[in-house]
Amino acid sequence: MARGGIVDEIALSEVLRRGGLAGAALDVHQEEGDNKISPLADLSNAILTPHIGAMTIDSQQEIGRRIVGIIDDFSCSD
């Protein structure tokens, strides 16, 4: 899922409780921030991470390459 709110977390939690899906993993959520608790939080077949899906070594290196490219393009422009 790319954006919180694309998936109805209440409906997903009901499907997971019934066994309609084996499991779900979400990195973004309908509501994020302090004191926001997903209806999926207490399910053993749901994995929730705090919006850190892009924090891999490969993705961070790619971000660095893109930033260097942008700076290089900017500094070489007329």
PDB file of N, CA and C in Angstrom:
ATOM      1  N   MET A   1       0.856  -1.167   0.000  1.00  0.00           N
ATOM      2  CA  MET A   1       0.000   0.000   0.000  1.00  0.00           C
ATOM      3  C   MET A   1       0.899   1.226   0.000  1.00  0.00           C
ATOM      4  N   ALA A   2       0.551   2.193  -0.768  1.00  0.00           N
ATOM      5  CA  ALA A   2       1.385   3.372  -0.917  1.00  0.00           C
ATOM      6  C   ALA A   2       0.977   4.526  -0.013  1.00  0.00           C
ATOM      7  N   ARG A   3      -0.267   4.617   0.325  1.00  0.00           N
ATOM      8  CA  ARG A   3      -0.763   5.726   1.140  1.00  0.00           C
ATOM      9  C   ARG A   3      -1.733   5.195   2.178  1.00  0.00           C
ATOM     10  N   GLY A   4      -1.655   5.759   3.370  1.00  0.00           N
ATOM     11  CA  GLY A   4      -2.634   5.406   4.387  1.00  0.00           C
ATOM     12  C   GLY A   4      -4.018   5.788   3.911  1.00  0.00           C
ATOM     13  N   GLY A   5      -4.989   4.987   4.220  1.00  0.00           N
ATOM     14  CA  GLY A   5      -6.349   5.279   3.811  1.00  0.00           C
ATOM     15  C   GLY A   5      -6.788   4.538   2.563  1.00  0.00           C
ATOM     16  N   ILE A   6      -5.846   3.975   1.811  1.00  0.00           N
ATOM     17  CA  ILE A   6      -6.217   3.188   0.639  1.00  0.00           C
ATOM     18  C   ILE A   6      -6.928   1.913   1.084  1.00  0.00           C
ATOM     19  N   VAL A   7      -6.454   1.339   2.176  1.00  0.00           N
ATOM     20  CA  VAL A   7      -7.061   0.131   2.725  1.00  0.00           C
ATOM     21  C   VAL A   7      -7.938   0.509   3.907  1.00  0.00           C
ATOM     22  N   ASP A   8      -9.138  -0.013   3.937  1.00  0.00           N
ATOM     23  CA  ASP A   8     -10.044   0.170   5.070  1.00  0.00           C
ATOM     24  C   ASP A   8      -9.573  -0.786   6.169  1.00  0.00           C
ATOM     25  N   GLU A   9      -8.895  -0.254   7.185  1.00  0.00           N
ATOM     26  CA  GLU A   9      -8.293  -1.098   8.207  1.00  0.00           C
ATOM     27  C   GLU A   9      -9.329  -1.842   9.041  1.00  0.00           C
ATOM     28  N   ILE A  10     -10.490  -1.269   9.236  1.00  0.00           N
ATOM     29  CA  ILE A  10     -11.539  -1.970   9.988  1.00  0.00           C
ATOM     30  C   ILE A  10     -12.013  -3.186   9.196  1.00  0.00           C
ATOM     31  N   ALA A  11     -12.280  -2.997   7.911  1.00  0.00           N
ATOM     32  CA  ALA A  11     -12.705  -4.119   7.064  1.00  0.00           C
ATOM     33  C   ALA A  11     -11.605  -5.175   6.977  1.00  0.00           C
ATOM     34  N   LEU A  12     -10.354  -4.739   6.831  1.00  0.00           N
ATOM     35  CA  LEU A  12      -9.237  -5.679   6.763  1.00  0.00           C
ATOM     36  C   LEU A  12      -9.121  -6.470   8.057  1.00  0.00           C
ATOM     37  N   SER A  13      -9.280  -5.808   9.198  1.00  0.00           N
ATOM     38  CA  SER A  13      -9.190  -6.521  10.478  1.00  0.00           C
ATOM     39  C   SER A  13     -10.287  -7.577  10.591  1.00  0.00           C
ATOM     40  N   GLU A  14     -11.479  -7.280  10.090  1.00  0.00           N
ATOM     41  CA  GLU A  14     -12.577  -8.256  10.121  1.00  0.00           C
ATOM     42  C   GLU A  14     -12.272  -9.461   9.237  1.00  0.00           C
ATOM     43  N   VAL A  15     -11.720  -9.211   8.050  1.00  0.00           N
ATOM     44  CA  VAL A  15     -11.355 -10.306   7.140  1.00  0.00           C
ATOM     45  C   VAL A  15     -10.263 -11.167   7.765  1.00  0.00           C
ATOM     46  N   LEU A  16      -9.273 -10.535   8.390  1.00  0.00           N
ATOM     47  CA  LEU A  16      -8.194 -11.286   9.031  1.00  0.00           C
ATOM     48  C   LEU A  16      -8.716 -12.111  10.201  1.00  0.00           C
ATOM     49  N   ARG A  17      -9.618 -11.569  10.986  1.00  0.00           N
ATOM     50  CA  ARG A  17     -10.201 -12.311  12.121  1.00  0.00           C
ATOM     51  C   ARG A  17     -10.991 -13.531  11.641  1.00  0.00           C
ATOM     52  N   ARG A  18     -11.689 -13.403  10.520  1.00  0.00           N
ATOM     53  CA  ARG A  18     -12.482 -14.511   9.967  1.00  0.00           C
ATOM     54  C   ARG A  18     -11.622 -15.550   9.255  1.00  0.00           C
ATOM     55  N   GLY A  19     -10.374 -15.207   8.961  1.00  0.00           N
ATOM     56  CA  GLY A  19      -9.510 -16.116   8.230  1.00  0.00           C
ATOM     57  C   GLY A  19      -9.635 -15.991   6.725  1.00  0.00           C
ATOM     58  N   GLY A  20     -10.249 -14.907   6.249  1.00  0.00           N
ATOM     59  CA  GLY A  20     -10.382 -14.678   4.815  1.00  0.00           C
ATOM     60  C   GLY A  20      -9.058 -14.389   4.133  1.00  0.00           C
ATOM     61  N   LEU A  21      -8.098 -13.921   4.891  1.00  0.00           N
ATOM     62  CA  LEU A  21      -6.715 -13.717   4.442  1.00  0.00           C
ATOM     63  C   LEU A  21      -5.801 -14.334   5.488  1.00  0.00           C
ATOM     64  N   ALA A  22      -4.691 -14.883   5.029  1.00  0.00           N
ATOM     65  CA  ALA A  22      -3.739 -15.470   5.971  1.00  0.00           C
ATOM     66  C   ALA A  22      -3.047 -14.402   6.803  1.00  0.00           C
ATOM     67  N   GLY A  23      -2.821 -13.238   6.208  1.00  0.00           N
ATOM     68  CA  GLY A  23      -2.124 -12.189   6.934  1.00  0.00           C
ATOM     69  C   GLY A  23      -2.031 -10.913   6.123  1.00  0.00           C
ATOM     70  N   ALA A  24      -1.549  -9.881   6.777  1.00  0.00           N
ATOM     71  CA  ALA A  24      -1.369  -8.582   6.125  1.00  0.00           C
ATOM     72  C   ALA A  24      -0.198  -7.866   6.785  1.00  0.00           C
ATOM     73  N   ALA A  25       0.509  -7.072   5.996  1.00  0.00           N
ATOM     74  CA  ALA A  25       1.602  -6.252   6.514  1.00  0.00           C
ATOM     75  C   ALA A  25       1.426  -4.844   5.962  1.00  0.00           C
ATOM     76  N   LEU A  26       1.434  -3.866   6.845  1.00  0.00           N
ATOM     77  CA  LEU A  26       1.244  -2.470   6.446  1.00  0.00           C
ATOM     78  C   LEU A  26       2.351  -1.608   7.027  1.00  0.00           C
ATOM     79  N   ASP A  27       2.847  -0.696   6.215  1.00  0.00           N
ATOM     80  CA  ASP A  27       3.863   0.254   6.653  1.00  0.00           C
ATOM     81  C   ASP A  27       3.283   1.661   6.773  1.00  0.00           C
ATOM     82  N   VAL A  28       2.157   1.891   6.169  1.00  0.00           N
ATOM     83  CA  VAL A  28       1.442   3.158   6.314  1.00  0.00           C
ATOM     84  C   VAL A  28       0.034   2.828   6.783  1.00  0.00           C
ATOM     85  N   HIS A  29      -0.576   3.760   7.469  1.00  0.00           N
ATOM     86  CA  HIS A  29      -1.837   3.474   8.129  1.00  0.00           C
ATOM     87  C   HIS A  29      -2.835   4.596   7.885  1.00  0.00           C
ATOM     88  N   GLN A  30      -4.125   4.290   8.103  1.00  0.00           N
ATOM     89  CA  GLN A  30      -5.160   5.301   7.903  1.00  0.00           C
ATOM     90  C   GLN A  30      -4.874   6.530   8.745  1.00  0.00           C
ATOM     91  N   GLU A  31      -4.553   6.312   9.999  1.00  0.00           N
ATOM     92  CA  GLU A  31      -4.234   7.428  10.889  1.00  0.00           C
ATOM     93  C   GLU A  31      -2.887   7.146  11.526  1.00  0.00           C
ATOM     94  N   GLU A  32      -2.014   8.115  11.479  1.00  0.00           N
ATOM     95  CA  GLU A  32      -0.685   7.960  12.058  1.00  0.00           C
ATOM     96  C   GLU A  32      -0.450   9.065  13.064  1.00  0.00           C
ATOM     97  N   GLY A  33       0.405   8.801  14.012  1.00  0.00           N
ATOM     98  CA  GLY A  33       0.764   9.808  14.993  1.00  0.00           C
ATOM     99  C   GLY A  33       0.531   9.314  16.406  1.00  0.00           C
ATOM    100  N   ASP A  34       0.791  10.187  17.340  1.00  0.00           N
ATOM    101  CA  ASP A  34       0.635   9.849  18.747  1.00  0.00           C
ATOM    102  C   ASP A  34      -0.798   9.432  19.047  1.00  0.00           C
ATOM    103  N   ASN A  35      -0.925   8.428  19.875  1.00  0.00           N
ATOM    104  CA  ASN A  35      -2.220   7.941  20.367  1.00  0.00           C
ATOM    105  C   ASN A  35      -3.136   7.392  19.281  1.00  0.00           C
ATOM    106  N   LYS A  36      -2.607   7.074  18.122  1.00  0.00           N
ATOM    107  CA  LYS A  36      -3.405   6.459  17.058  1.00  0.00           C
ATOM    108  C   LYS A  36      -3.127   4.955  17.088  1.00  0.00           C
ATOM    109  N   ILE A  37      -4.154   4.163  17.312  1.00  0.00           N
ATOM    110  CA  ILE A  37      -3.984   2.717  17.378  1.00  0.00           C
ATOM    111  C   ILE A  37      -4.820   2.078  16.277  1.00  0.00           C
ATOM    112  N   SER A  38      -4.167   1.326  15.433  1.00  0.00           N
ATOM    113  CA  SER A  38      -4.833   0.655  14.322  1.00  0.00           C
ATOM    114  C   SER A  38      -5.697  -0.487  14.841  1.00  0.00           C
ATOM    115  N   PRO A  39      -6.842  -0.740  14.193  1.00  0.00           N
ATOM    116  CA  PRO A  39      -7.644  -1.903  14.562  1.00  0.00           C
ATOM    117  C   PRO A  39      -6.924  -3.223  14.267  1.00  0.00           C
ATOM    118  N   LEU A  40      -5.800  -3.150  13.567  1.00  0.00           N
ATOM    119  CA  LEU A  40      -5.009  -4.340  13.258  1.00  0.00           C
ATOM    120  C   LEU A  40      -3.961  -4.634  14.328  1.00  0.00           C
ATOM    121  N   ALA A  41      -3.766  -3.719  15.252  1.00  0.00           N
ATOM    122  CA  ALA A  41      -2.658  -3.796  16.200  1.00  0.00           C
ATOM    123  C   ALA A  41      -2.672  -5.044  17.073  1.00  0.00           C
ATOM    124  N   ASP A  42      -3.827  -5.564  17.407  1.00  0.00           N
ATOM    125  CA  ASP A  42      -3.884  -6.713  18.310  1.00  0.00           C
ATOM    126  C   ASP A  42      -3.991  -8.056  17.587  1.00  0.00           C
ATOM    127  N   LEU A  43      -3.843  -8.062  16.276  1.00  0.00           N
ATOM    128  CA  LEU A  43      -3.966  -9.300  15.509  1.00  0.00           C
ATOM    129  C   LEU A  43      -2.598  -9.949  15.299  1.00  0.00           C
ATOM    130  N   SER A  44      -2.521 -11.247  15.562  1.00  0.00           N
ATOM    131  CA  SER A  44      -1.250 -11.961  15.388  1.00  0.00           C
ATOM    132  C   SER A  44      -0.904 -12.173  13.915  1.00  0.00           C
ATOM    133  N   ASN A  45      -1.891 -12.052  13.032  1.00  0.00           N
ATOM    134  CA  ASN A  45      -1.630 -12.242  11.601  1.00  0.00           C
ATOM    135  C   ASN A  45      -1.512 -10.910  10.850  1.00  0.00           C
ATOM    136  N   ALA A  46      -1.232  -9.853  11.599  1.00  0.00           N
ATOM    137  CA  ALA A  46      -0.992  -8.536  10.992  1.00  0.00           C
ATOM    138  C   ALA A  46       0.351  -8.006  11.478  1.00  0.00           C
ATOM    139  N   ILE A  47       1.126  -7.507  10.551  1.00  0.00           N
ATOM    140  CA  ILE A  47       2.414  -6.890  10.877  1.00  0.00           C
ATOM    141  C   ILE A  47       2.298  -5.411  10.551  1.00  0.00           C
ATOM    142  N   LEU A  48       2.584  -4.571  11.531  1.00  0.00           N
ATOM    143  CA  LEU A  48       2.524  -3.121  11.349  1.00  0.00           C
ATOM    144  C   LEU A  48       3.895  -2.539  11.634  1.00  0.00           C
ATOM    145  N   THR A  49       4.382  -1.715  10.723  1.00  0.00           N
ATOM    146  CA  THR A  49       5.647  -1.020  10.942  1.00  0.00           C
ATOM    147  C   THR A  49       5.391   0.480  10.873  1.00  0.00           C
ATOM    148  N   PRO A  50       6.238   1.257  11.535  1.00  0.00           N
ATOM    149  CA  PRO A  50       6.004   2.706  11.654  1.00  0.00           C
ATOM    150  C   PRO A  50       6.520   3.537  10.485  1.00  0.00           C
ATOM    151  N   HIS A  51       6.001   3.272   9.289  1.00  0.00           N
ATOM    152  CA  HIS A  51       6.314   4.087   8.109  1.00  0.00           C
ATOM    153  C   HIS A  51       7.819   4.112   7.821  1.00  0.00           C
ATOM    154  N   ILE A  52       8.427   2.924   7.841  1.00  0.00           N
ATOM    155  CA  ILE A  52       9.872   2.827   7.613  1.00  0.00           C
ATOM    156  C   ILE A  52      10.223   1.920   6.437  1.00  0.00           C
ATOM    157  N   GLY A  53       9.275   1.648   5.565  1.00  0.00           N
ATOM    158  CA  GLY A  53       9.497   0.725   4.455  1.00  0.00           C
ATOM    159  C   GLY A  53      10.628   1.115   3.524  1.00  0.00           C
ATOM    160  N   ALA A  54      10.916   2.387   3.416  1.00  0.00           N
ATOM    161  CA  ALA A  54      11.976   2.841   2.507  1.00  0.00           C
ATOM    162  C   ALA A  54      13.336   2.933   3.189  1.00  0.00           C
ATOM    163  N   MET A  55      13.436   2.475   4.401  1.00  0.00           N
ATOM    164  CA  MET A  55      14.672   2.633   5.154  1.00  0.00           C
ATOM    165  C   MET A  55      15.604   1.428   5.003  1.00  0.00           C
ATOM    166  N   THR A  56      15.777   0.954   3.784  1.00  0.00           N
ATOM    167  CA  THR A  56      16.737  -0.113   3.529  1.00  0.00           C
ATOM    168  C   THR A  56      18.044   0.518   3.055  1.00  0.00           C
ATOM    169  N   ILE A  57      19.115  -0.223   3.139  1.00  0.00           N
ATOM    170  CA  ILE A  57      20.410   0.285   2.672  1.00  0.00           C
ATOM    171  C   ILE A  57      20.329   0.643   1.187  1.00  0.00           C
ATOM    172  N   ASP A  58      19.741  -0.252   0.391  1.00  0.00           N
ATOM    173  CA  ASP A  58      19.634   0.004  -1.054  1.00  0.00           C
ATOM    174  C   ASP A  58      18.839   1.270  -1.352  1.00  0.00           C
ATOM    175  N   SER A  59      17.709   1.446  -0.672  1.00  0.00           N
ATOM    176  CA  SER A  59      16.888   2.627  -0.965  1.00  0.00           C
ATOM    177  C   SER A  59      17.588   3.904  -0.516  1.00  0.00           C
ATOM    178  N   GLN A  60      18.300   3.865   0.578  1.00  0.00           N
ATOM    179  CA  GLN A  60      19.017   5.051   1.038  1.00  0.00           C
ATOM    180  C   GLN A  60      20.162   5.403   0.094  1.00  0.00           C
ATOM    181  N   GLN A  61      20.847   4.388  -0.426  1.00  0.00           N
ATOM    182  CA  GLN A  61      21.909   4.641  -1.404  1.00  0.00           C
ATOM    183  C   GLN A  61      21.331   5.238  -2.688  1.00  0.00           C
ATOM    184  N   GLU A  62      20.179   4.734  -3.113  1.00  0.00           N
ATOM    185  CA  GLU A  62      19.534   5.275  -4.319  1.00  0.00           C
ATOM    186  C   GLU A  62      19.116   6.725  -4.098  1.00  0.00           C
ATOM    187  N   ILE A  63      18.588   7.030  -2.940  1.00  0.00           N
ATOM    188  CA  ILE A  63      18.220   8.418  -2.621  1.00  0.00           C
ATOM    189  C   ILE A  63      19.453   9.310  -2.689  1.00  0.00           C
ATOM    190  N   GLY A  64      20.568   8.835  -2.136  1.00  0.00           N
ATOM    191  CA  GLY A  64      21.813   9.597  -2.189  1.00  0.00           C
ATOM    192  C   GLY A  64      22.264   9.852  -3.614  1.00  0.00           C
ATOM    193  N   ARG A  65      22.184   8.815  -4.464  1.00  0.00           N
ATOM    194  CA  ARG A  65      22.571   8.981  -5.874  1.00  0.00           C
ATOM    195  C   ARG A  65      21.678  10.011  -6.567  1.00  0.00           C
ATOM    196  N   ARG A  66      20.388   9.959  -6.285  1.00  0.00           N
ATOM    197  CA  ARG A  66      19.467  10.916  -6.915  1.00  0.00           C
ATOM    198  C   ARG A  66      19.748  12.342  -6.450  1.00  0.00           C
ATOM    199  N   ILE A  67      20.034  12.510  -5.186  1.00  0.00           N
ATOM    200  CA  ILE A  67      20.337  13.849  -4.662  1.00  0.00           C
ATOM    201  C   ILE A  67      21.605  14.390  -5.314  1.00  0.00           C
ATOM    202  N   VAL A  68      22.634  13.561  -5.396  1.00  0.00           N
ATOM    203  CA  VAL A  68      23.877  13.989  -6.043  1.00  0.00           C
ATOM    204  C   VAL A  68      23.601  14.364  -7.498  1.00  0.00           C
ATOM    205  N   GLY A  69      22.784  13.581  -8.195  1.00  0.00           N
ATOM    206  CA  GLY A  69      22.436  13.888  -9.584  1.00  0.00           C
ATOM    207  C   GLY A  69      21.706  15.210  -9.718  1.00  0.00           C
ATOM    208  N   ILE A  70      20.783  15.475  -8.807  1.00  0.00           N
ATOM    209  CA  ILE A  70      20.040  16.742  -8.832  1.00  0.00           C
ATOM    210  C   ILE A  70      20.977  17.917  -8.593  1.00  0.00           C
ATOM    211  N   ILE A  71      21.863  17.777  -7.617  1.00  0.00           N
ATOM    212  CA  ILE A  71      22.820  18.852  -7.328  1.00  0.00           C
ATOM    213  C   ILE A  71      23.752  19.053  -8.519  1.00  0.00           C
ATOM    214  N   ASP A  72      24.211  17.951  -9.104  1.00  0.00           N
ATOM    215  CA  ASP A  72      25.095  18.035 -10.266  1.00  0.00           C
ATOM    216  C   ASP A  72      24.386  18.716 -11.439  1.00  0.00           C
ATOM    217  N   ASP A  73      23.139  18.320 -11.708  1.00  0.00           N
ATOM    218  CA  ASP A  73      22.370  18.953 -12.792  1.00  0.00           C
ATOM    219  C   ASP A  73      22.198  20.446 -12.540  1.00  0.00           C
ATOM    220  N   PHE A  74      21.917  20.801 -11.308  1.00  0.00           N
ATOM    221  CA  PHE A  74      21.708  22.206 -10.958  1.00  0.00           C
ATOM    222  C   PHE A  74      22.996  23.007 -11.118  1.00  0.00           C
ATOM    223  N   SER A  75      24.108  22.449 -10.640  1.00  0.00           N
ATOM    224  CA  SER A  75      25.370  23.192 -10.690  1.00  0.00           C
ATOM    225  C   SER A  75      25.928  23.294 -12.110  1.00  0.00           C
ATOM    226  N   CYS A  76      25.525  22.383 -12.997  1.00  0.00           N
ATOM    227  CA  CYS A  76      26.009  22.412 -14.383  1.00  0.00           C
ATOM    228  C   CYS A  76      25.087  23.189 -15.314  1.00  0.00           C
ATOM    229  N   SER A  77      23.949  23.636 -14.810  1.00  0.00           N
ATOM    230  CA  SER A  77      23.005  24.355 -15.677  1.00  0.00           C
ATOM    231  C   SER A  77      23.491  25.780 -15.908  1.00  0.00           C
ATOM    232  N   ASP A  78      23.082  26.336 -17.029  1.00  0.00           N
ATOM    233  CA  ASP A  78      23.515  27.700 -17.380  1.00  0.00           C
ATOM    234  C   ASP A  78      22.722  28.730 -16.649  1.00  0.00           C
TER     235      ASP A  78
END
